[in-house]
PDB file of N, CA and C in Angstrom:
ATOM      1  N   UNK A   1     -17.220  10.381   8.029  1.00  0.00           N
ATOM      2  CA  UNK A   1     -17.445   9.052   8.543  1.00  0.00           C
ATOM      3  C   UNK A   1     -16.541   8.069   7.812  1.00  0.00           C
ATOM      4  N   UNK A   2     -15.913   7.213   8.547  1.00  0.00           N
ATOM      5  CA  UNK A   2     -15.013   6.210   7.962  1.00  0.00           C
ATOM      6  C   UNK A   2     -15.813   5.014   7.445  1.00  0.00           C
ATOM      7  N   UNK A   3     -15.264   4.361   6.439  1.00  0.00           N
ATOM      8  CA  UNK A   3     -15.837   3.137   5.874  1.00  0.00           C
ATOM      9  C   UNK A   3     -14.840   2.024   6.131  1.00  0.00           C
ATOM     10  N   UNK A   4     -15.322   0.890   6.619  1.00  0.00           N
ATOM     11  CA  UNK A   4     -14.471  -0.251   6.941  1.00  0.00           C
ATOM     12  C   UNK A   4     -14.933  -1.470   6.151  1.00  0.00           C
ATOM     13  N   UNK A   5     -14.003  -2.105   5.456  1.00  0.00           N
ATOM     14  CA  UNK A   5     -14.312  -3.310   4.671  1.00  0.00           C
ATOM     15  C   UNK A   5     -13.258  -4.368   4.944  1.00  0.00           C
ATOM     16  N   UNK A   6     -13.691  -5.599   5.170  1.00  0.00           N
ATOM     17  CA  UNK A   6     -12.801  -6.757   5.212  1.00  0.00           C
ATOM     18  C   UNK A   6     -13.083  -7.578   3.966  1.00  0.00           C
ATOM     19  N   UNK A   7     -12.018  -7.953   3.264  1.00  0.00           N
ATOM     20  CA  UNK A   7     -12.160  -8.688   2.016  1.00  0.00           C
ATOM     21  C   UNK A   7     -11.383  -9.986   2.108  1.00  0.00           C
ATOM     22  N   UNK A   8     -12.023 -11.089   1.753  1.00  0.00           N
ATOM     23  CA  UNK A   8     -11.344 -12.378   1.620  1.00  0.00           C
ATOM     24  C   UNK A   8     -10.894 -12.510   0.180  1.00  0.00           C
ATOM     25  N   UNK A   9      -9.607 -12.666  -0.038  1.00  0.00           N
ATOM     26  CA  UNK A   9      -9.046 -12.733  -1.385  1.00  0.00           C
ATOM     27  C   UNK A   9      -8.826 -14.196  -1.746  1.00  0.00           C
ATOM     28  N   UNK A  10      -9.299 -14.592  -2.933  1.00  0.00           N
ATOM     29  CA  UNK A  10      -9.135 -15.967  -3.405  1.00  0.00           C
ATOM     30  C   UNK A  10      -8.383 -15.953  -4.725  1.00  0.00           C
ATOM     31  N   UNK A  11      -8.093 -17.134  -5.234  1.00  0.00           N
ATOM     32  CA  UNK A  11      -7.296 -17.264  -6.462  1.00  0.00           C
ATOM     33  C   UNK A  11      -7.967 -16.617  -7.672  1.00  0.00           C
ATOM     34  N   UNK A  12      -9.256 -16.464  -7.642  1.00  0.00           N
ATOM     35  CA  UNK A  12      -9.912 -15.767  -8.744  1.00  0.00           C
ATOM     36  C   UNK A  12      -9.983 -14.269  -8.424  1.00  0.00           C
ATOM     37  N   UNK A  13     -10.093 -13.460  -9.456  1.00  0.00           N
ATOM     38  CA  UNK A  13     -10.201 -12.027  -9.247  1.00  0.00           C
ATOM     39  C   UNK A  13     -11.579 -11.699  -8.712  1.00  0.00           C
ATOM     40  N   UNK A  14     -11.606 -10.853  -7.696  1.00  0.00           N
ATOM     41  CA  UNK A  14     -12.851 -10.447  -7.071  1.00  0.00           C
ATOM     42  C   UNK A  14     -12.915  -8.922  -7.031  1.00  0.00           C
ATOM     43  N   UNK A  15     -14.087  -8.370  -7.267  1.00  0.00           N
ATOM     44  CA  UNK A  15     -14.271  -6.924  -7.223  1.00  0.00           C
ATOM     45  C   UNK A  15     -15.246  -6.564  -6.110  1.00  0.00           C
ATOM     46  N   UNK A  16     -14.876  -5.575  -5.317  1.00  0.00           N
ATOM     47  CA  UNK A  16     -15.708  -5.083  -4.222  1.00  0.00           C
ATOM     48  C   UNK A  16     -15.959  -3.601  -4.447  1.00  0.00           C
ATOM     49  N   UNK A  17     -17.213  -3.184  -4.374  1.00  0.00           N
ATOM     50  CA  UNK A  17     -17.527  -1.764  -4.450  1.00  0.00           C
ATOM     51  C   UNK A  17     -17.367  -1.179  -3.061  1.00  0.00           C
ATOM     52  N   UNK A  18     -16.458  -0.228  -2.929  1.00  0.00           N
ATOM     53  CA  UNK A  18     -16.172   0.395  -1.636  1.00  0.00           C
ATOM     54  C   UNK A  18     -17.110   1.567  -1.368  1.00  0.00           C
ATOM     55  N   UNK A  19     -17.371   2.373  -2.374  1.00  0.00           N
ATOM     56  CA  UNK A  19     -18.346   3.459  -2.294  1.00  0.00           C
ATOM     57  C   UNK A  19     -19.168   3.409  -3.575  1.00  0.00           C
ATOM     58  N   UNK A  20     -20.487   3.322  -3.419  1.00  0.00           N
ATOM     59  CA  UNK A  20     -21.393   3.250  -4.562  1.00  0.00           C
ATOM     60  C   UNK A  20     -21.792   4.657  -4.988  1.00  0.00           C
ATOM     61  N   UNK A  21     -21.736   4.894  -6.299  1.00  0.00           N
ATOM     62  CA  UNK A  21     -22.123   6.212  -6.779  1.00  0.00           C
ATOM     63  C   UNK A  21     -23.588   6.474  -6.484  1.00  0.00           C
ATOM     64  N   UNK A  22     -23.870   7.739  -6.197  1.00  0.00           N
ATOM     65  CA  UNK A  22     -25.216   8.167  -5.895  1.00  0.00           C
ATOM     66  C   UNK A  22     -25.324   9.613  -6.340  1.00  0.00           C
ATOM     67  N   UNK A  23     -26.044   9.842  -7.378  1.00  0.00           N
ATOM     68  CA  UNK A  23     -26.101  11.181  -7.960  1.00  0.00           C
ATOM     69  C   UNK A  23     -26.594  12.245  -6.982  1.00  0.00           C
ATOM     70  N   UNK A  24     -27.293  11.837  -5.927  1.00  0.00           N
ATOM     71  CA  UNK A  24     -27.773  12.789  -4.932  1.00  0.00           C
ATOM     72  C   UNK A  24     -26.762  13.061  -3.831  1.00  0.00           C
ATOM     73  N   UNK A  25     -25.671  12.304  -3.799  1.00  0.00           N
ATOM     74  CA  UNK A  25     -24.697  12.439  -2.713  1.00  0.00           C
ATOM     75  C   UNK A  25     -23.279  12.490  -3.260  1.00  0.00           C
ATOM     76  N   UNK A  26     -23.011  13.464  -4.115  1.00  0.00           N
ATOM     77  CA  UNK A  26     -21.695  13.609  -4.720  1.00  0.00           C
ATOM     78  C   UNK A  26     -20.586  13.840  -3.715  1.00  0.00           C
ATOM     79  N   UNK A  27     -20.929  14.303  -2.489  1.00  0.00           N
ATOM     80  CA  UNK A  27     -19.902  14.585  -1.489  1.00  0.00           C
ATOM     81  C   UNK A  27     -19.369  13.322  -0.812  1.00  0.00           C
ATOM     82  N   UNK A  28     -19.953  12.153  -1.042  1.00  0.00           N
ATOM     83  CA  UNK A  28     -19.442  10.923  -0.430  1.00  0.00           C
ATOM     84  C   UNK A  28     -18.031  10.610  -0.899  1.00  0.00           C
ATOM     85  N   UNK A  29     -17.630  11.140  -2.011  1.00  0.00           N
ATOM     86  CA  UNK A  29     -16.286  10.932  -2.511  1.00  0.00           C
ATOM     87  C   UNK A  29     -15.282  11.920  -1.930  1.00  0.00           C
ATOM     88  N   UNK A  30     -15.728  12.717  -0.967  1.00  0.00           N
ATOM     89  CA  UNK A  30     -14.846  13.675  -0.315  1.00  0.00           C
ATOM     90  C   UNK A  30     -14.027  12.945   0.748  1.00  0.00           C
ATOM     91  N   UNK A  31     -13.096  12.123   0.275  1.00  0.00           N
ATOM     92  CA  UNK A  31     -12.264  11.335   1.184  1.00  0.00           C
ATOM     93  C   UNK A  31     -10.831  11.851   1.114  1.00  0.00           C
ATOM     94  N   UNK A  32     -10.074  11.559   2.154  1.00  0.00           N
ATOM     95  CA  UNK A  32      -8.696  12.040   2.190  1.00  0.00           C
ATOM     96  C   UNK A  32      -7.675  10.913   2.290  1.00  0.00           C
ATOM     97  N   UNK A  33      -8.149   9.707   2.595  1.00  0.00           N
ATOM     98  CA  UNK A  33      -7.187   8.641   2.818  1.00  0.00           C
ATOM     99  C   UNK A  33      -7.830   7.272   2.611  1.00  0.00           C
ATOM    100  N   UNK A  34      -7.054   6.358   2.004  1.00  0.00           N
ATOM    101  CA  UNK A  34      -7.455   4.958   1.874  1.00  0.00           C
ATOM    102  C   UNK A  34      -6.311   4.122   2.446  1.00  0.00           C
ATOM    103  N   UNK A  35      -6.615   3.265   3.404  1.00  0.00           N
ATOM    104  CA  UNK A  35      -5.619   2.361   3.986  1.00  0.00           C
ATOM    105  C   UNK A  35      -5.976   0.937   3.587  1.00  0.00           C
ATOM    106  N   UNK A  36      -4.996   0.194   3.070  1.00  0.00           N
ATOM    107  CA  UNK A  36      -5.199  -1.189   2.654  1.00  0.00           C
ATOM    108  C   UNK A  36      -4.173  -2.034   3.398  1.00  0.00           C
ATOM    109  N   UNK A  37      -4.648  -2.907   4.276  1.00  0.00           N
ATOM    110  CA  UNK A  37      -3.748  -3.714   5.094  1.00  0.00           C
ATOM    111  C   UNK A  37      -3.909  -5.189   4.759  1.00  0.00           C
ATOM    112  N   UNK A  38      -2.786  -5.890   4.633  1.00  0.00           N
ATOM    113  CA  UNK A  38      -2.813  -7.340   4.505  1.00  0.00           C
ATOM    114  C   UNK A  38      -2.911  -7.877   5.922  1.00  0.00           C
ATOM    115  N   UNK A  39      -4.100  -8.255   6.322  1.00  0.00           N
ATOM    116  CA  UNK A  39      -4.355  -8.700   7.691  1.00  0.00           C
ATOM    117  C   UNK A  39      -4.353 -10.216   7.818  1.00  0.00           C
ATOM    118  N   UNK A  40      -3.841 -10.901   6.806  1.00  0.00           N
ATOM    119  CA  UNK A  40      -3.822 -12.360   6.821  1.00  0.00           C
ATOM    120  C   UNK A  40      -2.818 -12.867   7.849  1.00  0.00           C
ATOM    121  N   UNK A  41      -3.244 -13.824   8.666  1.00  0.00           N
ATOM    122  CA  UNK A  41      -2.344 -14.396   9.675  1.00  0.00           C
ATOM    123  C   UNK A  41      -2.248 -15.915   9.545  1.00  0.00           C
ATOM    124  N   UNK A  42      -2.659 -16.420   8.380  1.00  0.00           N
ATOM    125  CA  UNK A  42      -2.705 -17.880   8.217  1.00  0.00           C
ATOM    126  C   UNK A  42      -1.647 -18.433   7.285  1.00  0.00           C
ATOM    127  N   UNK A  43      -0.878 -17.586   6.644  1.00  0.00           N
ATOM    128  CA  UNK A  43       0.086 -18.106   5.683  1.00  0.00           C
ATOM    129  C   UNK A  43       0.988 -17.016   5.184  1.00  0.00           C
ATOM    130  N   UNK A  44       1.455 -17.173   3.973  1.00  0.00           N
ATOM    131  CA  UNK A  44       2.363 -16.181   3.406  1.00  0.00           C
ATOM    132  C   UNK A  44       1.828 -15.643   2.090  1.00  0.00           C
ATOM    133  N   UNK A  45       0.542 -15.334   2.085  1.00  0.00           N
ATOM    134  CA  UNK A  45      -0.104 -14.869   0.860  1.00  0.00           C
ATOM    135  C   UNK A  45       0.014 -13.362   0.698  1.00  0.00           C
ATOM    136  N   UNK A  46       0.331 -12.931  -0.500  1.00  0.00           N
ATOM    137  CA  UNK A  46       0.476 -11.519  -0.810  1.00  0.00           C
ATOM    138  C   UNK A  46      -0.435 -11.159  -1.977  1.00  0.00           C
ATOM    139  N   UNK A  47      -1.622 -10.659  -1.688  1.00  0.00           N
ATOM    140  CA  UNK A  47      -2.573 -10.351  -2.752  1.00  0.00           C
ATOM    141  C   UNK A  47      -2.163  -9.139  -3.574  1.00  0.00           C
ATOM    142  N   UNK A  48      -2.673  -9.114  -4.802  1.00  0.00           N
ATOM    143  CA  UNK A  48      -2.505  -7.980  -5.698  1.00  0.00           C
ATOM    144  C   UNK A  48      -3.800  -7.183  -5.679  1.00  0.00           C
ATOM    145  N   UNK A  49      -3.667  -5.848  -5.620  1.00  0.00           N
ATOM    146  CA  UNK A  49      -4.833  -4.978  -5.456  1.00  0.00           C
ATOM    147  C   UNK A  49      -4.852  -3.889  -6.520  1.00  0.00           C
ATOM    148  N   UNK A  50      -6.047  -3.606  -7.031  1.00  0.00           N
ATOM    149  CA  UNK A  50      -6.321  -2.441  -7.863  1.00  0.00           C
ATOM    150  C   UNK A  50      -7.371  -1.613  -7.119  1.00  0.00           C
ATOM    151  N   UNK A  51      -7.175  -0.311  -7.052  1.00  0.00           N
ATOM    152  CA  UNK A  51      -8.194   0.612  -6.538  1.00  0.00           C
ATOM    153  C   UNK A  51      -8.492   1.566  -7.694  1.00  0.00           C
ATOM    154  N   UNK A  52      -9.773   1.683  -8.036  1.00  0.00           N
ATOM    155  CA  UNK A  52     -10.103   2.502  -9.204  1.00  0.00           C
ATOM    156  C   UNK A  52     -11.493   3.098  -9.112  1.00  0.00           C
ATOM    157  N   UNK A  53     -11.703   4.130  -9.924  1.00  0.00           N
ATOM    158  CA  UNK A  53     -13.006   4.759 -10.092  1.00  0.00           C
ATOM    159  C   UNK A  53     -13.645   4.179 -11.337  1.00  0.00           C
ATOM    160  N   UNK A  54     -14.960   3.940 -11.268  1.00  0.00           N
ATOM    161  CA  UNK A  54     -15.677   3.314 -12.378  1.00  0.00           C
ATOM    162  C   UNK A  54     -16.943   4.121 -12.642  1.00  0.00           C
ATOM    163  N   UNK A  55     -17.073   4.636 -13.859  1.00  0.00           N
ATOM    164  CA  UNK A  55     -18.275   5.401 -14.208  1.00  0.00           C
ATOM    165  C   UNK A  55     -19.310   4.544 -14.939  1.00  0.00           C
ATOM    166  N   UNK A  56     -19.071   3.253 -14.995  1.00  0.00           N
ATOM    167  CA  UNK A  56     -19.965   2.346 -15.693  1.00  0.00           C
ATOM    168  C   UNK A  56     -19.488   2.007 -17.089  1.00  0.00           C
ATOM    169  N   UNK A  57     -18.615   2.836 -17.627  1.00  0.00           N
ATOM    170  CA  UNK A  57     -18.042   2.617 -18.953  1.00  0.00           C
ATOM    171  C   UNK A  57     -16.527   2.497 -18.898  1.00  0.00           C
ATOM    172  N   UNK A  58     -15.898   3.371 -18.129  1.00  0.00           N
ATOM    173  CA  UNK A  58     -14.437   3.437 -18.036  1.00  0.00           C
ATOM    174  C   UNK A  58     -13.976   3.271 -16.595  1.00  0.00           C
ATOM    175  N   UNK A  59     -12.750   2.779 -16.459  1.00  0.00           N
ATOM    176  CA  UNK A  59     -12.121   2.662 -15.154  1.00  0.00           C
ATOM    177  C   UNK A  59     -10.916   3.595 -15.124  1.00  0.00           C
ATOM    178  N   UNK A  60     -10.768   4.300 -14.000  1.00  0.00           N
ATOM    179  CA  UNK A  60      -9.656   5.223 -13.796  1.00  0.00           C
ATOM    180  C   UNK A  60      -8.917   4.765 -12.538  1.00  0.00           C
ATOM    181  N   UNK A  61      -7.703   4.256 -12.720  1.00  0.00           N
ATOM    182  CA  UNK A  61      -6.972   3.596 -11.633  1.00  0.00           C
ATOM    183  C   UNK A  61      -6.250   4.586 -10.733  1.00  0.00           C
ATOM    184  N   UNK A  62      -6.437   4.392  -9.442  1.00  0.00           N
ATOM    185  CA  UNK A  62      -5.669   5.111  -8.422  1.00  0.00           C
ATOM    186  C   UNK A  62      -4.386   4.339  -8.178  1.00  0.00           C
ATOM    187  N   UNK A  63      -4.506   3.019  -8.005  1.00  0.00           N
ATOM    188  CA  UNK A  63      -3.350   2.107  -7.987  1.00  0.00           C
ATOM    189  C   UNK A  63      -3.726   0.866  -8.774  1.00  0.00           C
ATOM    190  N   UNK A  64      -2.716   0.254  -9.409  1.00  0.00           N
ATOM    191  CA  UNK A  64      -2.964  -0.940 -10.232  1.00  0.00           C
ATOM    192  C   UNK A  64      -1.851  -1.949 -10.006  1.00  0.00           C
ATOM    193  N   UNK A  65      -2.246  -3.212  -9.802  1.00  0.00           N
ATOM    194  CA  UNK A  65      -1.320  -4.337  -9.642  1.00  0.00           C
ATOM    195  C   UNK A  65      -0.310  -4.106  -8.521  1.00  0.00           C
ATOM    196  N   UNK A  66      -0.798  -3.609  -7.392  1.00  0.00           N
ATOM    197  CA  UNK A  66       0.062  -3.385  -6.227  1.00  0.00           C
ATOM    198  C   UNK A  66      -0.011  -4.619  -5.325  1.00  0.00           C
ATOM    199  N   UNK A  67       1.148  -5.184  -5.012  1.00  0.00           N
ATOM    200  CA  UNK A  67       1.228  -6.339  -4.118  1.00  0.00           C
ATOM    201  C   UNK A  67       1.330  -5.825  -2.684  1.00  0.00           C
ATOM    202  N   UNK A  68       0.483  -6.370  -1.803  1.00  0.00           N
ATOM    203  CA  UNK A  68       0.468  -5.973  -0.398  1.00  0.00           C
ATOM    204  C   UNK A  68       1.084  -7.105   0.429  1.00  0.00           C
ATOM    205  N   UNK A  69       2.339  -6.968   0.872  1.00  0.00           N
ATOM    206  CA  UNK A  69       2.979  -8.017   1.672  1.00  0.00           C
ATOM    207  C   UNK A  69       2.282  -8.209   3.029  1.00  0.00           C
ATOM    208  N   UNK A  70       2.451  -9.364   3.619  1.00  0.00           N
ATOM    209  CA  UNK A  70       1.877  -9.652   4.937  1.00  0.00           C
ATOM    210  C   UNK A  70       2.390  -8.640   5.948  1.00  0.00           C
ATOM    211  N   UNK A  71       1.487  -8.172   6.794  1.00  0.00           N
ATOM    212  CA  UNK A  71       1.860  -7.235   7.838  1.00  0.00           C
ATOM    213  C   UNK A  71       2.116  -5.828   7.342  1.00  0.00           C
ATOM    214  N   UNK A  72       1.732  -5.528   6.104  1.00  0.00           N
ATOM    215  CA  UNK A  72       1.988  -4.220   5.518  1.00  0.00           C
ATOM    216  C   UNK A  72       0.678  -3.492   5.273  1.00  0.00           C
ATOM    217  N   UNK A  73       0.724  -2.171   5.459  1.00  0.00           N
ATOM    218  CA  UNK A  73      -0.417  -1.326   5.133  1.00  0.00           C
ATOM    219  C   UNK A  73       0.013  -0.303   4.095  1.00  0.00           C
ATOM    220  N   UNK A  74      -0.735  -0.227   3.009  1.00  0.00           N
ATOM    221  CA  UNK A  74      -0.520   0.790   1.980  1.00  0.00           C
ATOM    222  C   UNK A  74      -1.434   1.949   2.309  1.00  0.00           C
ATOM    223  N   UNK A  75      -0.866   3.158   2.400  1.00  0.00           N
ATOM    224  CA  UNK A  75      -1.653   4.357   2.686  1.00  0.00           C
ATOM    225  C   UNK A  75      -1.666   5.234   1.440  1.00  0.00           C
ATOM    226  N   UNK A  76      -2.864   5.502   0.947  1.00  0.00           N
ATOM    227  CA  UNK A  76      -3.056   6.395  -0.199  1.00  0.00           C
ATOM    228  C   UNK A  76      -3.661   7.687   0.352  1.00  0.00           C
ATOM    229  N   UNK A  77      -2.930   8.780   0.241  1.00  0.00           N
ATOM    230  CA  UNK A  77      -3.430  10.021   0.824  1.00  0.00           C
ATOM    231  C   UNK A  77      -3.216  11.240  -0.073  1.00  0.00           C
ATOM    232  N   UNK A  78      -3.007  11.011  -1.340  1.00  0.00           N
ATOM    233  CA  UNK A  78      -2.814  12.108  -2.267  1.00  0.00           C
ATOM    234  C   UNK A  78      -3.779  11.955  -3.439  1.00  0.00           C
ATOM    235  N   UNK A  79      -4.645  12.929  -3.629  1.00  0.00           N
ATOM    236  CA  UNK A  79      -5.592  12.944  -4.755  1.00  0.00           C
ATOM    237  C   UNK A  79      -6.513  11.725  -4.789  1.00  0.00           C
ATOM    238  N   UNK A  80      -7.105  11.376  -3.646  1.00  0.00           N
ATOM    239  CA  UNK A  80      -8.010  10.229  -3.616  1.00  0.00           C
ATOM    240  C   UNK A  80      -9.482  10.643  -3.590  1.00  0.00           C
ATOM    241  N   UNK A  81      -9.768  11.937  -3.411  1.00  0.00           N
ATOM    242  CA  UNK A  81     -11.147  12.410  -3.448  1.00  0.00           C
ATOM    243  C   UNK A  81     -11.704  12.315  -4.865  1.00  0.00           C
ATOM    244  N   UNK A  82     -13.017  12.172  -4.979  1.00  0.00           N
ATOM    245  CA  UNK A  82     -13.658  12.031  -6.291  1.00  0.00           C
ATOM    246  C   UNK A  82     -15.129  12.404  -6.179  1.00  0.00           C
ATOM    247  N   UNK A  83     -15.810  12.509  -7.295  1.00  0.00           N
ATOM    248  CA  UNK A  83     -17.228  12.823  -7.345  1.00  0.00           C
ATOM    249  C   UNK A  83     -18.027  11.524  -7.289  1.00  0.00           C
ATOM    250  N   UNK A  84     -18.611  11.251  -6.137  1.00  0.00           N
ATOM    251  CA  UNK A  84     -19.380  10.012  -5.957  1.00  0.00           C
ATOM    252  C   UNK A  84     -20.741  10.080  -6.632  1.00  0.00           C
ATOM    253  N   UNK A  85     -21.067  11.198  -7.230  1.00  0.00           N
ATOM    254  CA  UNK A  85     -22.265  11.265  -8.042  1.00  0.00           C
ATOM    255  C   UNK A  85     -22.043  10.684  -9.424  1.00  0.00           C
ATOM    256  N   UNK A  86     -20.780  10.523  -9.798  1.00  0.00           N
ATOM    257  CA  UNK A  86     -20.423  10.029 -11.134  1.00  0.00           C
ATOM    258  C   UNK A  86     -19.733   8.667 -11.068  1.00  0.00           C
ATOM    259  N   UNK A  87     -18.938   8.428 -10.026  1.00  0.00           N
ATOM    260  CA  UNK A  87     -18.087   7.241  -9.965  1.00  0.00           C
ATOM    261  C   UNK A  87     -18.394   6.338  -8.778  1.00  0.00           C
ATOM    262  N   UNK A  88     -18.233   5.022  -8.991  1.00  0.00           N
ATOM    263  CA  UNK A  88     -18.095   4.051  -7.905  1.00  0.00           C
ATOM    264  C   UNK A  88     -16.611   3.984  -7.573  1.00  0.00           C
ATOM    265  N   UNK A  89     -16.275   3.767  -6.312  1.00  0.00           N
ATOM    266  CA  UNK A  89     -14.906   3.457  -5.916  1.00  0.00           C
ATOM    267  C   UNK A  89     -14.852   1.952  -5.707  1.00  0.00           C
ATOM    268  N   UNK A  90     -13.974   1.274  -6.440  1.00  0.00           N
ATOM    269  CA  UNK A  90     -13.926  -0.183  -6.403  1.00  0.00           C
ATOM    270  C   UNK A  90     -12.524  -0.691  -6.095  1.00  0.00           C
ATOM    271  N   UNK A  91     -12.481  -1.910  -5.571  1.00  0.00           N
ATOM    272  CA  UNK A  91     -11.228  -2.622  -5.337  1.00  0.00           C
ATOM    273  C   UNK A  91     -11.322  -3.968  -6.028  1.00  0.00           C
ATOM    274  N   UNK A  92     -10.323  -4.312  -6.826  1.00  0.00           N
ATOM    275  CA  UNK A  92     -10.214  -5.650  -7.408  1.00  0.00           C
ATOM    276  C   UNK A  92      -9.014  -6.320  -6.757  1.00  0.00           C
ATOM    277  N   UNK A  93      -9.181  -7.577  -6.387  1.00  0.00           N
ATOM    278  CA  UNK A  93      -8.128  -8.304  -5.697  1.00  0.00           C
ATOM    279  C   UNK A  93      -7.945  -9.680  -6.313  1.00  0.00           C
ATOM    280  N   UNK A  94      -6.717 -10.162  -6.253  1.00  0.00           N
ATOM    281  CA  UNK A  94      -6.434 -11.519  -6.713  1.00  0.00           C
ATOM    282  C   UNK A  94      -5.194 -12.024  -5.992  1.00  0.00           C
ATOM    283  N   UNK A  95      -5.025 -13.328  -6.032  1.00  0.00           N
ATOM    284  CA  UNK A  95      -3.876 -13.976  -5.394  1.00  0.00           C
ATOM    285  C   UNK A  95      -3.537 -15.211  -6.223  1.00  0.00           C
ATOM    286  N   UNK A  96      -2.274 -15.583  -6.233  1.00  0.00           N
ATOM    287  CA  UNK A  96      -1.836 -16.716  -7.053  1.00  0.00           C
ATOM    288  C   UNK A  96      -2.498 -18.020  -6.605  1.00  0.00           C
ATOM    289  N   UNK A  97      -2.528 -18.274  -5.305  1.00  0.00           N
ATOM    290  CA  UNK A  97      -3.162 -19.491  -4.781  1.00  0.00           C
ATOM    291  C   UNK A  97      -3.533 -19.260  -3.330  1.00  0.00           C
ATOM    292  N   UNK A  98      -4.421 -20.093  -2.819  1.00  0.00           N
ATOM    293  CA  UNK A  98      -4.834 -19.972  -1.424  1.00  0.00           C
ATOM    294  C   UNK A  98      -5.776 -18.806  -1.207  1.00  0.00           C
ATOM    295  N   UNK A  99      -5.768 -18.303   0.019  1.00  0.00           N
ATOM    296  CA  UNK A  99      -6.616 -17.167   0.376  1.00  0.00           C
ATOM    297  C   UNK A  99      -5.819 -16.182   1.230  1.00  0.00           C
ATOM    298  N   UNK A 100      -6.296 -14.986   1.308  1.00  0.00           N
ATOM    299  CA  UNK A 100      -5.702 -13.952   2.152  1.00  0.00           C
ATOM    300  C   UNK A 100      -6.819 -13.027   2.619  1.00  0.00           C
ATOM    301  N   UNK A 101      -6.497 -12.188   3.595  1.00  0.00           N
ATOM    302  CA  UNK A 101      -7.462 -11.233   4.115  1.00  0.00           C
ATOM    303  C   UNK A 101      -6.897  -9.826   3.984  1.00  0.00           C
ATOM    304  N   UNK A 102      -7.739  -8.937   3.494  1.00  0.00           N
ATOM    305  CA  UNK A 102      -7.389  -7.517   3.425  1.00  0.00           C
ATOM    306  C   UNK A 102      -8.384  -6.718   4.250  1.00  0.00           C
ATOM    307  N   UNK A 103      -7.899  -5.693   4.915  1.00  0.00           N
ATOM    308  CA  UNK A 103      -8.751  -4.717   5.582  1.00  0.00           C
ATOM    309  C   UNK A 103      -8.559  -3.384   4.860  1.00  0.00           C
ATOM    310  N   UNK A 104      -9.675  -2.742   4.521  1.00  0.00           N
ATOM    311  CA  UNK A 104      -9.618  -1.457   3.845  1.00  0.00           C
ATOM    312  C   UNK A 104     -10.393  -0.452   4.691  1.00  0.00           C
ATOM    313  N   UNK A 105      -9.739   0.664   4.973  1.00  0.00           N
ATOM    314  CA  UNK A 105     -10.359   1.755   5.725  1.00  0.00           C
ATOM    315  C   UNK A 105     -10.313   2.998   4.844  1.00  0.00           C
ATOM    316  N   UNK A 106     -11.441   3.664   4.728  1.00  0.00           N
ATOM    317  CA  UNK A 106     -11.539   4.885   3.928  1.00  0.00           C
ATOM    318  C   UNK A 106     -11.972   6.000   4.860  1.00  0.00           C
ATOM    319  N   UNK A 107     -11.191   7.079   4.869  1.00  0.00           N
ATOM    320  CA  UNK A 107     -11.521   8.225   5.731  1.00  0.00           C
ATOM    321  C   UNK A 107     -11.654   9.468   4.888  1.00  0.00           C
TER     322      UNK A 107
END
């Protein structure tokens, strides 16, 4: 089952939990692809994105400080599966000024 998230990015750093860890459902991290699209159509904002695993103590980055230009989709399809019984999958976003919109699809 795919997961769809729309995120409004503001000048402050914001964190969104994409998949919440659940010790009874470790297979939820059995994903093969993460797509991150800059879907903003109101300006020329290019947000910075981090995608990482969080066990509550440590963060393990899949991507860090990646700028997503307008009209661009970043596709992550190598080694993105994880144990959702141990880790949350999170996205942190920030932008220099203004706002932007990101769409994230997880398959």
